[in-house]
Amino acid sequence: MRLPGGWRVAKLPVGEDRIEIDRVQMREATLMSRISRSVIEKRSAVFIVYLRGQPRWLVAAIVAAVLLGGLFAGGAVSAALLIAIAAVVIWLAYLSWPQTEPPARIARCVVVLALLALAVLRLVG
């Protein structure tokens, strides 16, 4: 029996169902993943080049201002600012993920989770 996405259910000798992945579908999915990553990297390159042209202190000051606003503002404004910072960290982590060592990956994930948890706390409290 075929399922959506190229999955199929096969009967095992003991009678249990098992889901297998069709190799062709896996190759297509991997290729699509590479294409989408390439598109995101190319579109991000324009913004990265723009940021590189700005003074370093300016970019750092903007990020610090948004972060401090998220920490000291109240309610939904605070949550929105923290989510914006988390989105930027996610975007930069995605772009650098293949070249990043596992400890740095873990640290970035922890930072994102902390920012999102703080945003939820700001919304709730």
Protein backbone atom coordinates (compact mmCIF):
# COMPACT_ATOMS: atom_id res chain seq x y z
CA MET A 1 0.00 0.00 0.00
CA ARG A 2 1.36 3.46 -0.94
CA LEU A 3 1.15 6.41 1.42
CA PRO A 4 1.64 10.11 0.62
CA GLY A 5 5.22 11.26 0.20
CA GLY A 6 6.56 8.02 -1.26
CA TRP A 7 6.14 5.98 1.93
CA ARG A 8 4.70 2.50 1.71
CA VAL A 9 3.56 -0.05 4.22
CA ALA A 10 5.03 -3.52 3.88
CA LYS A 11 4.00 -6.69 5.70
CA LEU A 12 6.79 -8.29 7.69
CA PRO A 13 6.92 -12.06 8.12
CA VAL A 14 5.66 -11.69 11.70
CA GLY A 15 2.65 -9.71 10.47
CA GLU A 16 3.64 -6.27 11.79
CA ASP A 17 3.43 -3.22 9.54
CA ARG A 18 6.59 -1.37 8.71
CA ILE A 19 7.11 1.88 6.83
CA GLU A 20 9.85 1.89 4.24
CA ILE A 21 11.30 4.80 2.34
CA ASP A 22 11.61 4.46 -1.38
CA ARG A 23 15.23 5.23 -2.36
CA VAL A 24 14.22 7.34 -5.32
CA GLN A 25 11.99 9.46 -3.10
CA MET A 26 14.86 9.90 -0.64
CA ARG A 27 17.19 11.10 -3.38
CA GLU A 28 14.55 13.55 -4.60
CA ALA A 29 13.98 14.85 -1.07
CA THR A 30 17.73 15.30 -0.56
CA LEU A 31 18.03 17.14 -3.87
CA MET A 32 15.10 19.42 -2.98
CA SER A 33 16.70 20.12 0.39
CA ARG A 34 19.94 21.15 -1.31
CA ILE A 35 18.07 23.33 -3.79
CA SER A 36 16.07 25.10 -1.09
CA ARG A 37 19.21 25.65 1.00
CA SER A 38 20.95 27.10 -2.04
CA VAL A 39 18.04 29.46 -2.69
CA ILE A 40 17.99 30.62 0.93
CA GLU A 41 21.76 31.15 0.93
CA LYS A 42 21.62 33.17 -2.31
CA ARG A 43 18.76 35.35 -1.09
CA SER A 44 20.45 35.85 2.26
CA ALA A 45 23.74 36.82 0.61
CA VAL A 46 22.30 40.17 -0.46
CA PHE A 47 21.38 41.08 3.10
CA ILE A 48 24.62 39.72 4.54
CA VAL A 49 26.66 41.81 2.09
CA TYR A 50 24.58 44.85 3.04
CA LEU A 51 25.24 44.20 6.75
CA ARG A 52 28.96 43.75 6.09
CA GLY A 53 28.98 47.21 4.52
CA GLN A 54 27.65 48.81 7.70
CA PRO A 55 29.85 49.77 10.63
CA ARG A 56 30.16 46.84 13.04
CA TRP A 57 29.15 48.96 16.00
CA LEU A 58 25.90 49.92 14.26
CA VAL A 59 24.76 46.32 13.73
CA ALA A 60 25.74 45.40 17.29
CA ALA A 61 23.98 48.49 18.66
CA ILE A 62 20.75 47.65 16.82
CA VAL A 63 20.79 44.06 18.05
CA ALA A 64 21.56 45.22 21.60
CA ALA A 65 18.77 47.81 21.49
CA VAL A 66 16.21 45.27 20.29
CA LEU A 67 17.38 42.75 22.90
CA LEU A 68 17.26 45.31 25.73
CA GLY A 69 13.86 46.46 24.52
CA GLY A 70 12.69 42.86 24.65
CA LEU A 71 14.06 42.42 28.15
CA PHE A 72 12.70 45.65 29.64
CA ALA A 73 9.52 46.34 27.69
CA GLY A 74 6.32 44.72 28.79
CA GLY A 75 3.77 42.34 27.37
CA ALA A 76 3.38 41.70 23.67
CA VAL A 77 5.97 44.29 22.63
CA SER A 78 8.61 42.51 24.69
CA ALA A 79 7.64 39.13 23.27
CA ALA A 80 7.70 40.45 19.69
CA LEU A 81 11.19 41.92 20.14
CA LEU A 82 12.52 38.70 21.68
CA ILE A 83 10.98 36.61 18.90
CA ALA A 84 12.60 38.94 16.35
CA ILE A 85 16.01 38.37 17.94
CA ALA A 86 15.36 34.62 18.03
CA ALA A 87 14.44 34.70 14.33
CA VAL A 88 17.72 36.43 13.47
CA VAL A 89 19.68 33.88 15.52
CA ILE A 90 17.82 31.03 13.79
CA TRP A 91 18.54 32.53 10.38
CA LEU A 92 22.24 32.99 11.08
CA ALA A 93 22.48 29.53 12.65
CA TYR A 94 20.84 28.00 9.56
CA LEU A 95 23.32 29.71 7.26
CA SER A 96 26.35 28.64 9.29
CA TRP A 97 25.11 25.20 10.38
CA PRO A 98 27.20 23.05 8.00
CA GLN A 99 30.45 24.71 9.13
CA THR A 100 29.58 24.85 12.83
CA GLU A 101 31.00 22.41 15.38
CA PRO A 102 28.53 20.48 17.59
CA PRO A 103 29.20 22.48 20.81
CA ALA A 104 28.45 25.73 18.98
CA ARG A 105 25.30 24.18 17.50
CA ILE A 106 24.11 23.24 20.96
CA ALA A 107 24.85 26.74 22.25
CA ARG A 108 22.84 28.33 19.44
CA CYS A 109 19.92 26.02 20.09
CA VAL A 110 20.05 26.88 23.79
CA VAL A 111 20.07 30.62 23.01
CA VAL A 112 17.07 30.29 20.70
CA LEU A 113 15.15 28.20 23.23
CA ALA A 114 15.96 30.68 26.01
CA LEU A 115 14.79 33.63 23.91
CA LEU A 116 11.57 31.87 22.94
CA ALA A 117 10.92 30.76 26.52
CA LEU A 118 11.46 34.31 27.74
CA ALA A 119 9.08 35.60 25.05
CA VAL A 120 6.40 33.15 26.21
CA LEU A 121 6.95 34.22 29.81
CA ARG A 122 6.56 37.87 28.79
CA LEU A 123 3.29 37.06 27.02
CA VAL A 124 1.91 35.04 29.91
CA GLY A 125 3.11 37.23 32.75
